[in-house]
Amino acid sequence: MLNCIRCNQELSDASNFCNNCGFPVGNVRTLRSCRECGAMVSAVDKFCAQCGKPIVQVQVANGINVQSQSEVSRAENGTLPKMIPVNGGQFMYGSLTSNTPVTLNSFLISETPVTQRQYEKIMGRNPAKLKGENKPVEMVNWCEAIIYCNTLSVINKLTPCYSIGGTFDLSNFEASSPVWKRINCNFTANGFRLPTEAEWEFAARGGKNNEPTMFAGSADISQVAWYGENSNITSHEVGTKAANSVGLFDMCGNVAEWCWDYYTPDLPYGPQTNPHGPSIGDMHAKRGGGWLDDAEQCTVFYRSGSVPSGKSSSLGFRVCRTELGAKI
């Protein structure tokens, strides 16, 4: 005997629909819940009965056609990162227990994390474990993200930001080499670079718009992030969740993102202007949380760190540029 998963009515093994509530059973049972509101979605539903969001057909491994929430990217997803201007301003940096006033000049930051297509276009390879050209690139360590930034700058005839001992071509240095301790970032150059932690958080919070929410663009994490509860244990195409008020996607969830700064557990106390983090350290900061993280790890102020050679299928990066001559 079967039991209807909606009303628990006992049914015969030959039943396709519940004779009590009409919900599909048998070979058209529910596969998953609606990704927007959590309501149960069956194999014959075209729209979620609770929130009305459209459902599209996908093919599953056992050969049965089932329904899954439609994912449509709102991002540009070109071969080069689309840069979004963030006007400079002041904000309270960090969580409520450790915030400090910070002033930032204007800068540009990429609309989404760097995608696999964008990375492969510049570097000639795709290191990602969870393949998909418009998914975030992952399995990239901090050093490789730095190399991508310099290479992207050179291709676009911009001045690279990063150098080691006067050398801009850093591709021959192993990630485990101590030479990376000597890296310098020229924040006055017009090339691509990783955002500082402060720039990342300011952008995630909506810049001058000062969004008062825990997540980038919404108080409801499911609206803006792929995380442990809704990701189906994988990354997703960028831009398929809502953007924040300055037009940035996936600042929370999908993949965590490398930042420039060395990581320390506590942020420095007192007012700061354009902070670049500690001058020395063993780990670099990560922000935003990823597809396997809890909601608490996907907030705009959650901080963690990893060694520069570290790689993960839930860790990527986005790029930034100094807006030369721009002030608050």
C-alpha atoms as a PDB file:
ATOM      1  CA  MET A   1       0.000   0.000   0.000  1.00  0.00           C
ATOM      2  CA  LEU A   2       1.018   3.584  -0.670  1.00  0.00           C
ATOM      3  CA  ASN A   3       0.412   6.610   1.487  1.00  0.00           C
ATOM      4  CA  CYS A   4      -0.199  10.016  -0.028  1.00  0.00           C
ATOM      5  CA  ILE A   5       2.674  12.295   0.995  1.00  0.00           C
ATOM      6  CA  ARG A   6       0.341  15.283   1.199  1.00  0.00           C
ATOM      7  CA  CYS A   7      -2.585  13.967   3.287  1.00  0.00           C
ATOM      8  CA  ASN A   8      -1.343  10.464   4.326  1.00  0.00           C
ATOM      9  CA  GLN A   9      -4.406   8.746   2.811  1.00  0.00           C
ATOM     10  CA  GLU A  10      -3.807   5.003   2.221  1.00  0.00           C
ATOM     11  CA  LEU A  11      -3.841   4.144  -1.486  1.00  0.00           C
ATOM     12  CA  SER A  12      -3.411   1.080  -3.642  1.00  0.00           C
ATOM     13  CA  ASP A  13      -0.093   0.333  -5.303  1.00  0.00           C
ATOM     14  CA  ALA A  14      -1.670   1.056  -8.699  1.00  0.00           C
ATOM     15  CA  SER A  15      -2.722   4.595  -7.744  1.00  0.00           C
ATOM     16  CA  ASN A  16      -1.346   7.536  -9.671  1.00  0.00           C
ATOM     17  CA  PHE A  17      -3.326  10.191  -7.798  1.00  0.00           C
ATOM     18  CA  CYS A  18      -4.694  10.394  -4.276  1.00  0.00           C
ATOM     19  CA  ASN A  19      -8.471   9.851  -4.257  1.00  0.00           C
ATOM     20  CA  ASN A  20      -8.734  12.117  -1.228  1.00  0.00           C
ATOM     21  CA  CYS A  21      -6.746  15.256  -2.147  1.00  0.00           C
ATOM     22  CA  GLY A  22      -5.781  14.583  -5.781  1.00  0.00           C
ATOM     23  CA  PHE A  23      -2.023  14.808  -5.199  1.00  0.00           C
ATOM     24  CA  PRO A  24       0.149  12.719  -7.603  1.00  0.00           C
ATOM     25  CA  VAL A  25       1.577   9.425  -6.296  1.00  0.00           C
ATOM     26  CA  GLY A  26       3.142   6.306  -7.787  1.00  0.00           C
ATOM     27  CA  ASN A  27       5.414   7.085 -10.734  1.00  0.00           C
ATOM     28  CA  VAL A  28       4.718  10.812 -10.441  1.00  0.00           C
ATOM     29  CA  ARG A  29       5.627  11.287  -6.773  1.00  0.00           C
ATOM     30  CA  THR A  30       7.156  14.527  -5.539  1.00  0.00           C
ATOM     31  CA  LEU A  31      10.890  14.666  -6.204  1.00  0.00           C
ATOM     32  CA  ARG A  32      11.783  17.843  -4.295  1.00  0.00           C
ATOM     33  CA  SER A  33      10.412  20.993  -2.730  1.00  0.00           C
ATOM     34  CA  CYS A  34       9.945  24.333  -4.466  1.00  0.00           C
ATOM     35  CA  ARG A  35      13.220  26.234  -4.275  1.00  0.00           C
ATOM     36  CA  GLU A  36      11.450  29.520  -3.625  1.00  0.00           C
ATOM     37  CA  CYS A  37       8.990  28.712  -0.843  1.00  0.00           C
ATOM     38  CA  GLY A  38       9.642  25.081   0.183  1.00  0.00           C
ATOM     39  CA  ALA A  39       6.249  23.705  -0.896  1.00  0.00           C
ATOM     40  CA  MET A  40       6.154  20.159  -2.319  1.00  0.00           C
ATOM     41  CA  VAL A  41       6.435  19.973  -6.116  1.00  0.00           C
ATOM     42  CA  SER A  42       5.255  16.953  -8.125  1.00  0.00           C
ATOM     43  CA  ALA A  43       6.307  15.566 -11.468  1.00  0.00           C
ATOM     44  CA  VAL A  44       3.233  16.995 -13.193  1.00  0.00           C
ATOM     45  CA  ASP A  45       3.247  20.492 -11.669  1.00  0.00           C
ATOM     46  CA  LYS A  46       3.982  23.371 -14.041  1.00  0.00           C
ATOM     47  CA  PHE A  47       3.698  25.995 -11.308  1.00  0.00           C
ATOM     48  CA  CYS A  48       4.188  25.860  -7.564  1.00  0.00           C
ATOM     49  CA  ALA A  49       0.727  25.750  -5.982  1.00  0.00           C
ATOM     50  CA  GLN A  50       1.904  27.853  -3.025  1.00  0.00           C
ATOM     51  CA  CYS A  51       4.026  30.665  -4.500  1.00  0.00           C
ATOM     52  CA  GLY A  52       3.168  30.411  -8.214  1.00  0.00           C
ATOM     53  CA  LYS A  53       6.759  30.233  -9.442  1.00  0.00           C
ATOM     54  CA  PRO A  54       7.193  28.355 -12.766  1.00  0.00           C
ATOM     55  CA  ILE A  55       8.553  24.805 -12.863  1.00  0.00           C
ATOM     56  CA  VAL A  56      10.387  23.324 -15.851  1.00  0.00           C
ATOM     57  CA  GLN A  57      10.970  19.707 -16.882  1.00  0.00           C
ATOM     58  CA  VAL A  58      14.316  18.034 -16.311  1.00  0.00           C
ATOM     59  CA  GLN A  59      15.444  14.444 -16.878  1.00  0.00           C
ATOM     60  CA  VAL A  60      16.467  12.424 -13.822  1.00  0.00           C
ATOM     61  CA  ALA A  61      18.783   9.440 -13.597  1.00  0.00           C
ATOM     62  CA  ASN A  62      16.035   6.771 -13.523  1.00  0.00           C
ATOM     63  CA  GLY A  63      14.607   8.022 -16.794  1.00  0.00           C
ATOM     64  CA  ILE A  64      11.440   9.561 -15.367  1.00  0.00           C
ATOM     65  CA  ASN A  65      10.656  13.141 -16.319  1.00  0.00           C
ATOM     66  CA  VAL A  66      10.187  15.228 -13.199  1.00  0.00           C
ATOM     67  CA  GLN A  67       9.817  18.934 -12.479  1.00  0.00           C
ATOM     68  CA  SER A  68      12.421  21.324 -11.084  1.00  0.00           C
ATOM     69  CA  GLN A  69      12.410  25.039 -10.356  1.00  0.00           C
ATOM     70  CA  SER A  70      13.391  27.153 -13.344  1.00  0.00           C
ATOM     71  CA  GLU A  71      16.745  28.909 -12.959  1.00  0.00           C
ATOM     72  CA  VAL A  72      17.181  31.934 -15.189  1.00  0.00           C
ATOM     73  CA  SER A  73      20.327  34.023 -14.851  1.00  0.00           C
ATOM     74  CA  ARG A  74      19.776  37.770 -14.565  1.00  0.00           C
ATOM     75  CA  ALA A  75      23.498  38.492 -14.948  1.00  0.00           C
ATOM     76  CA  GLU A  76      25.272  39.409 -18.179  1.00  0.00           C
ATOM     77  CA  ASN A  77      27.539  36.310 -18.164  1.00  0.00           C
ATOM     78  CA  GLY A  78      29.893  37.518 -20.889  1.00  0.00           C
ATOM     79  CA  THR A  79      33.398  36.230 -21.546  1.00  0.00           C
ATOM     80  CA  LEU A  80      34.821  39.073 -19.450  1.00  0.00           C
ATOM     81  CA  PRO A  81      33.595  40.116 -15.983  1.00  0.00           C
ATOM     82  CA  LYS A  82      31.056  42.950 -16.032  1.00  0.00           C
ATOM     83  CA  MET A  83      32.221  45.629 -13.623  1.00  0.00           C
ATOM     84  CA  ILE A  84      29.724  47.461 -11.407  1.00  0.00           C
ATOM     85  CA  PRO A  85      30.598  50.871  -9.899  1.00  0.00           C
ATOM     86  CA  VAL A  86      30.310  51.206  -6.129  1.00  0.00           C
ATOM     87  CA  ASN A  87      30.392  54.818  -4.968  1.00  0.00           C
ATOM     88  CA  GLY A  88      32.619  55.472  -1.991  1.00  0.00           C
ATOM     89  CA  GLY A  89      31.249  56.171   1.443  1.00  0.00           C
ATOM     90  CA  GLN A  90      31.327  55.297   5.118  1.00  0.00           C
ATOM     91  CA  PHE A  91      29.922  52.243   6.872  1.00  0.00           C
ATOM     92  CA  MET A  92      30.193  50.207  10.046  1.00  0.00           C
ATOM     93  CA  TYR A  93      32.560  47.355   9.196  1.00  0.00           C
ATOM     94  CA  GLY A  94      32.035  43.943  10.792  1.00  0.00           C
ATOM     95  CA  SER A  95      29.374  42.330  12.953  1.00  0.00           C
ATOM     96  CA  LEU A  96      27.390  44.134  15.633  1.00  0.00           C
ATOM     97  CA  THR A  97      29.878  43.014  18.291  1.00  0.00           C
ATOM     98  CA  SER A  98      33.006  44.131  16.437  1.00  0.00           C
ATOM     99  CA  ASN A  99      31.993  46.879  14.009  1.00  0.00           C
ATOM    100  CA  THR A 100      34.206  49.868  13.357  1.00  0.00           C
ATOM    101  CA  PRO A 101      33.727  52.968  11.150  1.00  0.00           C
ATOM    102  CA  VAL A 102      35.429  52.650   7.750  1.00  0.00           C
ATOM    103  CA  THR A 103      35.685  55.129   4.891  1.00  0.00           C
ATOM    104  CA  LEU A 104      36.232  53.855   1.336  1.00  0.00           C
ATOM    105  CA  ASN A 105      36.911  55.520  -1.994  1.00  0.00           C
ATOM    106  CA  SER A 106      34.843  54.496  -5.023  1.00  0.00           C
ATOM    107  CA  PHE A 107      35.735  51.253  -6.807  1.00  0.00           C
ATOM    108  CA  LEU A 108      34.468  48.771  -9.400  1.00  0.00           C
ATOM    109  CA  ILE A 109      33.591  45.161  -8.590  1.00  0.00           C
ATOM    110  CA  SER A 110      32.441  42.320 -10.827  1.00  0.00           C
ATOM    111  CA  GLU A 111      28.720  41.662 -11.114  1.00  0.00           C
ATOM    112  CA  THR A 112      29.202  37.982 -10.238  1.00  0.00           C
ATOM    113  CA  PRO A 113      31.967  35.660  -9.116  1.00  0.00           C
ATOM    114  CA  VAL A 114      34.314  34.876 -11.996  1.00  0.00           C
ATOM    115  CA  THR A 115      32.669  32.131 -14.046  1.00  0.00           C
ATOM    116  CA  GLN A 116      34.309  29.044 -15.496  1.00  0.00           C
ATOM    117  CA  ARG A 117      33.911  30.467 -19.004  1.00  0.00           C
ATOM    118  CA  GLN A 118      35.572  33.730 -17.989  1.00  0.00           C
ATOM    119  CA  TYR A 119      38.448  31.960 -16.254  1.00  0.00           C
ATOM    120  CA  GLU A 120      39.065  29.569 -19.137  1.00  0.00           C
ATOM    121  CA  LYS A 121      38.984  32.443 -21.653  1.00  0.00           C
ATOM    122  CA  ILE A 122      41.963  34.069 -19.906  1.00  0.00           C
ATOM    123  CA  MET A 123      43.871  31.118 -18.429  1.00  0.00           C
ATOM    124  CA  GLY A 124      43.193  28.477 -21.094  1.00  0.00           C
ATOM    125  CA  ARG A 125      41.924  25.869 -18.644  1.00  0.00           C
ATOM    126  CA  ASN A 126      38.970  25.152 -16.375  1.00  0.00           C
ATOM    127  CA  PRO A 127      39.989  23.762 -12.966  1.00  0.00           C
ATOM    128  CA  ALA A 128      36.427  23.589 -11.566  1.00  0.00           C
ATOM    129  CA  LYS A 129      35.117  20.365 -10.075  1.00  0.00           C
ATOM    130  CA  LEU A 130      31.433  21.232 -10.554  1.00  0.00           C
ATOM    131  CA  LYS A 131      31.431  21.925 -14.282  1.00  0.00           C
ATOM    132  CA  GLY A 132      29.229  24.505 -15.999  1.00  0.00           C
ATOM    133  CA  GLU A 133      30.465  27.454 -18.069  1.00  0.00           C
ATOM    134  CA  ASN A 134      28.260  29.960 -16.223  1.00  0.00           C
ATOM    135  CA  LYS A 135      28.852  28.430 -12.809  1.00  0.00           C
ATOM    136  CA  PRO A 136      31.493  30.076 -10.600  1.00  0.00           C
ATOM    137  CA  VAL A 137      35.007  28.857 -11.168  1.00  0.00           C
ATOM    138  CA  GLU A 138      36.290  26.991  -8.096  1.00  0.00           C
ATOM    139  CA  MET A 139      39.257  24.823  -7.135  1.00  0.00           C
ATOM    140  CA  VAL A 140      41.322  28.007  -7.566  1.00  0.00           C
ATOM    141  CA  ASN A 141      43.723  28.955  -4.792  1.00  0.00           C
ATOM    142  CA  TRP A 142      44.505  32.520  -3.729  1.00  0.00           C
ATOM    143  CA  CYS A 143      47.703  32.636  -5.764  1.00  0.00           C
ATOM    144  CA  GLU A 144      45.901  31.487  -8.924  1.00  0.00           C
ATOM    145  CA  ALA A 145      43.251  34.161  -8.392  1.00  0.00           C
ATOM    146  CA  ILE A 146      46.049  36.747  -8.184  1.00  0.00           C
ATOM    147  CA  ILE A 147      47.616  35.410 -11.398  1.00  0.00           C
ATOM    148  CA  TYR A 148      44.232  35.602 -13.156  1.00  0.00           C
ATOM    149  CA  CYS A 149      43.896  39.257 -12.113  1.00  0.00           C
ATOM    150  CA  ASN A 150      47.299  40.203 -13.544  1.00  0.00           C
ATOM    151  CA  THR A 151      46.737  38.226 -16.747  1.00  0.00           C
ATOM    152  CA  LEU A 152      43.316  39.825 -17.239  1.00  0.00           C
ATOM    153  CA  SER A 153      44.920  43.246 -16.749  1.00  0.00           C
ATOM    154  CA  VAL A 154      47.637  42.626 -19.342  1.00  0.00           C
ATOM    155  CA  ILE A 155      45.151  41.310 -21.920  1.00  0.00           C
ATOM    156  CA  ASN A 156      43.054  44.439 -21.448  1.00  0.00           C
ATOM    157  CA  LYS A 157      46.117  46.719 -21.685  1.00  0.00           C
ATOM    158  CA  LEU A 158      45.811  47.804 -18.058  1.00  0.00           C
ATOM    159  CA  THR A 159      48.567  48.140 -15.471  1.00  0.00           C
ATOM    160  CA  PRO A 160      48.784  44.980 -13.326  1.00  0.00           C
ATOM    161  CA  CYS A 161      48.264  45.552  -9.616  1.00  0.00           C
ATOM    162  CA  TYR A 162      50.369  42.679  -8.284  1.00  0.00           C
ATOM    163  CA  SER A 163      54.113  42.203  -8.319  1.00  0.00           C
ATOM    164  CA  ILE A 164      56.824  40.264  -6.520  1.00  0.00           C
ATOM    165  CA  GLY A 165      60.251  41.885  -6.604  1.00  0.00           C
ATOM    166  CA  GLY A 166      59.294  43.960  -9.632  1.00  0.00           C
ATOM    167  CA  THR A 167      57.955  40.938 -11.531  1.00  0.00           C
ATOM    168  CA  PHE A 168      54.343  41.030 -12.795  1.00  0.00           C
ATOM    169  CA  ASP A 169      54.316  37.547 -14.332  1.00  0.00           C
ATOM    170  CA  LEU A 170      53.681  35.438 -11.243  1.00  0.00           C
ATOM    171  CA  SER A 171      52.673  32.246 -13.053  1.00  0.00           C
ATOM    172  CA  ASN A 172      56.009  30.510 -12.413  1.00  0.00           C
ATOM    173  CA  PHE A 173      55.798  30.797  -8.626  1.00  0.00           C
ATOM    174  CA  GLU A 174      54.396  27.748  -6.829  1.00  0.00           C
ATOM    175  CA  ALA A 175      51.581  28.488  -4.391  1.00  0.00           C
ATOM    176  CA  SER A 176      53.604  26.884  -1.589  1.00  0.00           C
ATOM    177  CA  SER A 177      56.614  29.137  -2.205  1.00  0.00           C
ATOM    178  CA  PRO A 178      57.519  31.639   0.547  1.00  0.00           C
ATOM    179  CA  VAL A 179      58.085  34.207  -2.217  1.00  0.00           C
ATOM    180  CA  TRP A 180      54.349  34.980  -2.067  1.00  0.00           C
ATOM    181  CA  LYS A 181      54.983  36.640   1.297  1.00  0.00           C
ATOM    182  CA  ARG A 182      56.724  39.402  -0.680  1.00  0.00           C
ATOM    183  CA  ILE A 183      53.751  40.179  -2.916  1.00  0.00           C
ATOM    184  CA  ASN A 184      52.830  43.833  -3.316  1.00  0.00           C
ATOM    185  CA  CYS A 185      49.523  45.303  -4.451  1.00  0.00           C
ATOM    186  CA  ASN A 186      49.600  48.695  -6.186  1.00  0.00           C
ATOM    187  CA  PHE A 187      46.170  50.067  -5.322  1.00  0.00           C
ATOM    188  CA  THR A 188      46.795  53.086  -7.572  1.00  0.00           C
ATOM    189  CA  ALA A 189      47.109  50.895 -10.695  1.00  0.00           C
ATOM    190  CA  ASN A 190      44.116  50.632 -13.047  1.00  0.00           C
ATOM    191  CA  GLY A 191      44.252  46.840 -13.408  1.00  0.00           C
ATOM    192  CA  PHE A 192      42.182  44.058 -11.897  1.00  0.00           C
ATOM    193  CA  ARG A 193      42.673  42.827  -8.356  1.00  0.00           C
ATOM    194  CA  LEU A 194      40.881  41.020  -5.555  1.00  0.00           C
ATOM    195  CA  PRO A 195      38.652  43.215  -3.380  1.00  0.00           C
ATOM    196  CA  THR A 196      39.817  44.027   0.100  1.00  0.00           C
ATOM    197  CA  GLU A 197      37.656  42.642   2.889  1.00  0.00           C
ATOM    198  CA  ALA A 198      36.268  46.116   3.542  1.00  0.00           C
ATOM    199  CA  GLU A 199      35.421  46.656  -0.131  1.00  0.00           C
ATOM    200  CA  TRP A 200      33.757  43.247  -0.323  1.00  0.00           C
ATOM    201  CA  GLU A 201      31.597  43.895   2.749  1.00  0.00           C
ATOM    202  CA  PHE A 202      30.705  47.458   1.701  1.00  0.00           C
ATOM    203  CA  ALA A 203      29.602  46.189  -1.727  1.00  0.00           C
ATOM    204  CA  ALA A 204      27.659  43.284  -0.202  1.00  0.00           C
ATOM    205  CA  ARG A 205      25.820  45.695   2.110  1.00  0.00           C
ATOM    206  CA  GLY A 206      24.722  47.788  -0.872  1.00  0.00           C
ATOM    207  CA  GLY A 207      27.419  50.451  -0.642  1.00  0.00           C
ATOM    208  CA  LYS A 208      25.961  53.843   0.237  1.00  0.00           C
ATOM    209  CA  ASN A 209      22.485  52.284   0.204  1.00  0.00           C
ATOM    210  CA  ASN A 210      23.472  50.641   3.502  1.00  0.00           C
ATOM    211  CA  GLU A 211      21.138  47.644   3.300  1.00  0.00           C
ATOM    212  CA  PRO A 212      20.247  46.693   6.895  1.00  0.00           C
ATOM    213  CA  THR A 213      19.961  42.965   6.138  1.00  0.00           C
ATOM    214  CA  MET A 214      22.091  39.985   7.155  1.00  0.00           C
ATOM    215  CA  PHE A 215      22.335  38.782   3.547  1.00  0.00           C
ATOM    216  CA  ALA A 216      23.333  40.735   0.429  1.00  0.00           C
ATOM    217  CA  GLY A 217      20.044  42.098  -0.902  1.00  0.00           C
ATOM    218  CA  SER A 218      17.505  40.452   1.382  1.00  0.00           C
ATOM    219  CA  ALA A 219      16.665  39.376   4.907  1.00  0.00           C
ATOM    220  CA  ASP A 220      15.510  36.067   3.345  1.00  0.00           C
ATOM    221  CA  ILE A 221      18.581  34.053   2.385  1.00  0.00           C
ATOM    222  CA  SER A 222      16.636  31.850  -0.062  1.00  0.00           C
ATOM    223  CA  GLN A 223      15.975  34.903  -2.243  1.00  0.00           C
ATOM    224  CA  VAL A 224      19.635  35.760  -2.787  1.00  0.00           C
ATOM    225  CA  ALA A 225      21.808  32.714  -2.060  1.00  0.00           C
ATOM    226  CA  TRP A 226      22.476  29.091  -2.934  1.00  0.00           C
ATOM    227  CA  TYR A 227      23.493  27.572   0.385  1.00  0.00           C
ATOM    228  CA  GLY A 228      23.343  24.274   2.268  1.00  0.00           C
ATOM    229  CA  GLU A 229      19.554  24.162   2.566  1.00  0.00           C
ATOM    230  CA  ASN A 230      18.604  24.821  -1.077  1.00  0.00           C
ATOM    231  CA  SER A 231      21.637  24.042  -3.251  1.00  0.00           C
ATOM    232  CA  ASN A 232      21.047  20.292  -3.751  1.00  0.00           C
ATOM    233  CA  ILE A 233      24.732  19.859  -2.842  1.00  0.00           C
ATOM    234  CA  THR A 234      26.177  21.691  -5.842  1.00  0.00           C
ATOM    235  CA  SER A 235      27.005  25.150  -7.150  1.00  0.00           C
ATOM    236  CA  HIS A 236      24.637  26.928  -9.534  1.00  0.00           C
ATOM    237  CA  GLU A 237      24.856  29.300 -12.488  1.00  0.00           C
ATOM    238  CA  VAL A 238      25.653  32.816 -11.344  1.00  0.00           C
ATOM    239  CA  GLY A 239      22.874  35.389 -11.296  1.00  0.00           C
ATOM    240  CA  THR A 240      19.992  32.971 -10.777  1.00  0.00           C
ATOM    241  CA  LYS A 241      19.137  34.505  -7.409  1.00  0.00           C
ATOM    242  CA  ALA A 242      18.229  38.156  -6.817  1.00  0.00           C
ATOM    243  CA  ALA A 243      20.860  40.913  -6.832  1.00  0.00           C
ATOM    244  CA  ASN A 244      21.453  43.426  -4.078  1.00  0.00           C
ATOM    245  CA  SER A 245      20.703  47.133  -4.481  1.00  0.00           C
ATOM    246  CA  VAL A 246      23.899  47.918  -6.419  1.00  0.00           C
ATOM    247  CA  GLY A 247      23.346  45.051  -8.862  1.00  0.00           C
ATOM    248  CA  LEU A 248      25.680  42.401  -7.458  1.00  0.00           C
ATOM    249  CA  PHE A 249      24.737  38.715  -7.577  1.00  0.00           C
ATOM    250  CA  ASP A 250      25.847  35.795  -5.389  1.00  0.00           C
ATOM    251  CA  MET A 251      27.599  37.902  -2.773  1.00  0.00           C
ATOM    252  CA  CYS A 252      26.153  35.433  -0.282  1.00  0.00           C
ATOM    253  CA  GLY A 253      26.147  31.720  -1.108  1.00  0.00           C
ATOM    254  CA  ASN A 254      27.045  29.765  -4.288  1.00  0.00           C
ATOM    255  CA  VAL A 255      30.797  29.981  -3.607  1.00  0.00           C
ATOM    256  CA  ALA A 256      32.771  31.772  -0.919  1.00  0.00           C
ATOM    257  CA  GLU A 257      35.167  34.372  -2.315  1.00  0.00           C
ATOM    258  CA  TRP A 258      38.841  35.142  -1.805  1.00  0.00           C
ATOM    259  CA  CYS A 259      39.781  38.634  -0.647  1.00  0.00           C
ATOM    260  CA  TRP A 260      43.173  40.354  -0.712  1.00  0.00           C
ATOM    261  CA  ASP A 261      43.674  40.738   3.043  1.00  0.00           C
ATOM    262  CA  TYR A 262      45.608  38.498   5.352  1.00  0.00           C
ATOM    263  CA  TYR A 263      43.104  36.986   7.763  1.00  0.00           C
ATOM    264  CA  THR A 264      43.046  37.662  11.499  1.00  0.00           C
ATOM    265  CA  PRO A 265      40.207  36.533  13.790  1.00  0.00           C
ATOM    266  CA  ASP A 266      39.517  40.072  14.987  1.00  0.00           C
ATOM    267  CA  LEU A 267      39.142  43.230  12.936  1.00  0.00           C
ATOM    268  CA  PRO A 268      41.229  46.230  14.036  1.00  0.00           C
ATOM    269  CA  TYR A 269      39.531  48.704  16.331  1.00  0.00           C
ATOM    270  CA  GLY A 270      38.987  52.383  15.528  1.00  0.00           C
ATOM    271  CA  PRO A 271      38.191  54.459  12.410  1.00  0.00           C
ATOM    272  CA  GLN A 272      39.961  53.452   9.190  1.00  0.00           C
ATOM    273  CA  THR A 273      40.247  54.764   5.647  1.00  0.00           C
ATOM    274  CA  ASN A 274      40.691  52.316   2.732  1.00  0.00           C
ATOM    275  CA  PRO A 275      42.069  49.499   4.939  1.00  0.00           C
ATOM    276  CA  HIS A 276      44.054  46.757   3.214  1.00  0.00           C
ATOM    277  CA  GLY A 277      44.350  44.370   6.151  1.00  0.00           C
ATOM    278  CA  PRO A 278      47.422  43.216   8.093  1.00  0.00           C
ATOM    279  CA  SER A 279      50.859  43.496   6.487  1.00  0.00           C
ATOM    280  CA  ILE A 280      51.778  39.883   7.347  1.00  0.00           C
ATOM    281  CA  GLY A 281      49.929  36.636   7.951  1.00  0.00           C
ATOM    282  CA  ASP A 282      49.573  32.969   7.088  1.00  0.00           C
ATOM    283  CA  MET A 283      46.000  32.892   5.757  1.00  0.00           C
ATOM    284  CA  HIS A 284      43.897  35.060   3.457  1.00  0.00           C
ATOM    285  CA  ALA A 285      40.316  36.133   4.072  1.00  0.00           C
ATOM    286  CA  LYS A 286      37.262  34.466   2.536  1.00  0.00           C
ATOM    287  CA  ARG A 287      33.824  36.030   2.430  1.00  0.00           C
ATOM    288  CA  GLY A 288      30.241  35.207   1.489  1.00  0.00           C
ATOM    289  CA  GLY A 289      29.755  31.514   2.225  1.00  0.00           C
ATOM    290  CA  GLY A 290      29.067  28.804  -0.347  1.00  0.00           C
ATOM    291  CA  TRP A 291      26.672  26.125  -1.540  1.00  0.00           C
ATOM    292  CA  LEU A 292      27.417  23.771   1.367  1.00  0.00           C
ATOM    293  CA  ASP A 293      27.411  26.341   4.173  1.00  0.00           C
ATOM    294  CA  ASP A 294      24.848  27.162   6.840  1.00  0.00           C
ATOM    295  CA  ALA A 295      22.974  30.464   6.689  1.00  0.00           C
ATOM    296  CA  GLU A 296      25.174  31.863   9.472  1.00  0.00           C
ATOM    297  CA  GLN A 297      28.248  31.449   7.235  1.00  0.00           C
ATOM    298  CA  CYS A 298      26.600  33.339   4.362  1.00  0.00           C
ATOM    299  CA  THR A 299      25.958  36.674   6.090  1.00  0.00           C
ATOM    300  CA  VAL A 300      27.529  39.916   4.893  1.00  0.00           C
ATOM    301  CA  PHE A 301      29.766  40.048   7.961  1.00  0.00           C
ATOM    302  CA  TYR A 302      30.841  36.395   8.447  1.00  0.00           C
ATOM    303  CA  ARG A 303      34.616  36.007   8.120  1.00  0.00           C
ATOM    304  CA  SER A 304      36.955  33.063   7.694  1.00  0.00           C
ATOM    305  CA  GLY A 305      40.400  32.376   6.296  1.00  0.00           C
ATOM    306  CA  SER A 306      42.402  29.802   4.364  1.00  0.00           C
ATOM    307  CA  VAL A 307      46.030  29.228   3.445  1.00  0.00           C
ATOM    308  CA  PRO A 308      46.921  30.734   0.037  1.00  0.00           C
ATOM    309  CA  SER A 309      47.395  27.272  -1.497  1.00  0.00           C
ATOM    310  CA  GLY A 310      43.957  26.116  -0.308  1.00  0.00           C
ATOM    311  CA  LYS A 311      41.357  24.956  -2.830  1.00  0.00           C
ATOM    312  CA  SER A 312      37.722  23.931  -2.535  1.00  0.00           C
ATOM    313  CA  SER A 313      34.756  23.261  -4.810  1.00  0.00           C
ATOM    314  CA  SER A 314      32.879  25.870  -2.752  1.00  0.00           C
ATOM    315  CA  LEU A 315      35.530  28.619  -2.999  1.00  0.00           C
ATOM    316  CA  GLY A 316      35.937  31.067  -5.885  1.00  0.00           C
ATOM    317  CA  PHE A 317      36.532  34.802  -6.282  1.00  0.00           C
ATOM    318  CA  ARG A 318      35.387  37.992  -7.954  1.00  0.00           C
ATOM    319  CA  VAL A 319      37.509  40.858  -9.242  1.00  0.00           C
ATOM    320  CA  CYS A 320      37.753  44.521  -8.383  1.00  0.00           C
ATOM    321  CA  ARG A 321      39.338  47.695  -9.802  1.00  0.00           C
ATOM    322  CA  THR A 322      40.302  50.983  -8.231  1.00  0.00           C
ATOM    323  CA  GLU A 323      38.291  53.851  -9.700  1.00  0.00           C
ATOM    324  CA  LEU A 324      41.182  56.229 -10.189  1.00  0.00           C
ATOM    325  CA  GLY A 325      40.520  59.823  -9.202  1.00  0.00           C
ATOM    326  CA  ALA A 326      37.183  58.953  -7.611  1.00  0.00           C
ATOM    327  CA  LYS A 327      36.612  60.010  -4.025  1.00  0.00           C
ATOM    328  CA  ILE A 328      33.668  59.804  -1.658  1.00  0.00           C
END
